[in-house]
Amino acid sequence: MQSKQTLQITALTLIGLGLLVVIFYTPIWWVSLTAPNYPPESFPDGVRIHFHMNGVFNGCKKQEKAEIAEEEALDCVHEMDTINHYVGMYPIAAGGPVERGFGQFLMAFLAVMLLGFLFISPKQRMIVLSVGFVGIAAWMTLTLYGENGFKLQNTGYVSALVTSLDQEASGETSEPEIVIGGVAGILKDSLEESGVEVILPSQVEAAKRAAQGSTSTEKSHLIEQLKLTYDIDQVKSDSLQPWDGSAFQVMSWHYAKSLGRYFNNPQEIVPMVKNLELAIHVVFYAILGAMALVVFGSRKNGGVLYWLLILVPVALPLFFIIDYSAWLWWYGHTLNDMGAFSVKPFMPTVFGDGKVAQFTTHSYPYIGFGLMVLTSFILALAALFRFKQLNK
């Protein structure tokens, strides 16, 4: 009987563990704005965005109709930012910066807790948890504070940061044109006038990058784009240190740049950036403390700390709703005075349909949240079986 229960617990927990991996790469929630100036023929889903664990991504699809010719889908994250900034709302990239930056570590934390829950032996459980947590702690430290540690972030997160910066007023994502002056510039112009094609080394490198399509190359190129933008800002600002490539540096700089994209108000933005930097340090040490607490609580079967191994992953949908609602409140109650229109602070719609001016808002769970609920149900069954097993 014990053997059968152990097998059931193992199977359910491993299924839940696999679902956690899928959830990280799946859209969890979607939000859409519809209005008369966004006709359903061109915007069947309105101006739609998708919330993931590691960022907010475009939810609009390319329209392939005879009467509509689109080379690429409209960037609805940019479109929604443009709409929102008129009433003083900060860009979407300004929301949840800590959660998105720590997303991969938090999901790995939950995964290690589930692995520890598999073991009925306290000694084996402590070994698994300790090894797993040490690995996460080292990964997290190198990423946040190590030189070029940002390379250890997941591609989706890096892509979301780059995309938000590409939504500047110019909307241009291409590399800046290189102007060659002096004798070399005159020689280049002369050769081109004579019909001789001149290819710069930078163009060769760009062609090489375009020819390579691996994920690692893509992420490296995205990070290079961030570094290029950072270096330009660093020349203009005395407060920015030279690029070291740590996730802490990138997160702090990107947050300040996101806040100031539409509202150049340093008196308001600088304290917010300081709060973010403090939050990153606090969350970092809080996770380390939570790891130590979980290992300590795994010394014996039963007890509140032991059951955290399974109850925390079970409560993942609840944590998401709380965090999502809190950030929606922040968006609606942290309005910049530089907005074109003055509106009273408001609570955006968390679930269902709402109305703001001429826009109708739609906010509903998506595939990832359904998988979260399914994961909670499966892990709750595993917890129930383990409870019965321990009582016997």
Foldseek 3Di string as FASTA:
>chain_A
DLVVLLVLLVVLLVVLLVLLVVLQVDFWKKKAKDFPVCDCLNFVRHLMWTDHQQAIAGPFADDDDPVDDDPGTDGSLLVVQVVLPQQQFFRPCLAPLLRNLCSVLVSLLLSLLSVLLSDQALVVSLVSLVVSLVVSLVLVCCQAPNQLSVLSDDQVNLVNLLVLVCSFPVNDDDDDDDQDDDPVNVVQVVCVVVVHDDDDPVNVVVVVLVVDDDSSSVSVVSVVSLLVVVVVVVVVDVVQDHHRNHPLSSSLVSSLCRRPRPPPDCVPSVVVSVVVSVVNVVVSVVSVVLSVQLSVVSNHPDDDSSCCSLVVLLCVLVVVLVSQQVRQQVSQCVGDPPNNDHDHRDRDDQAAWDDDPRMIMHMHTDDSSVSSNVSSVSSVVSVVSVVVSVVD
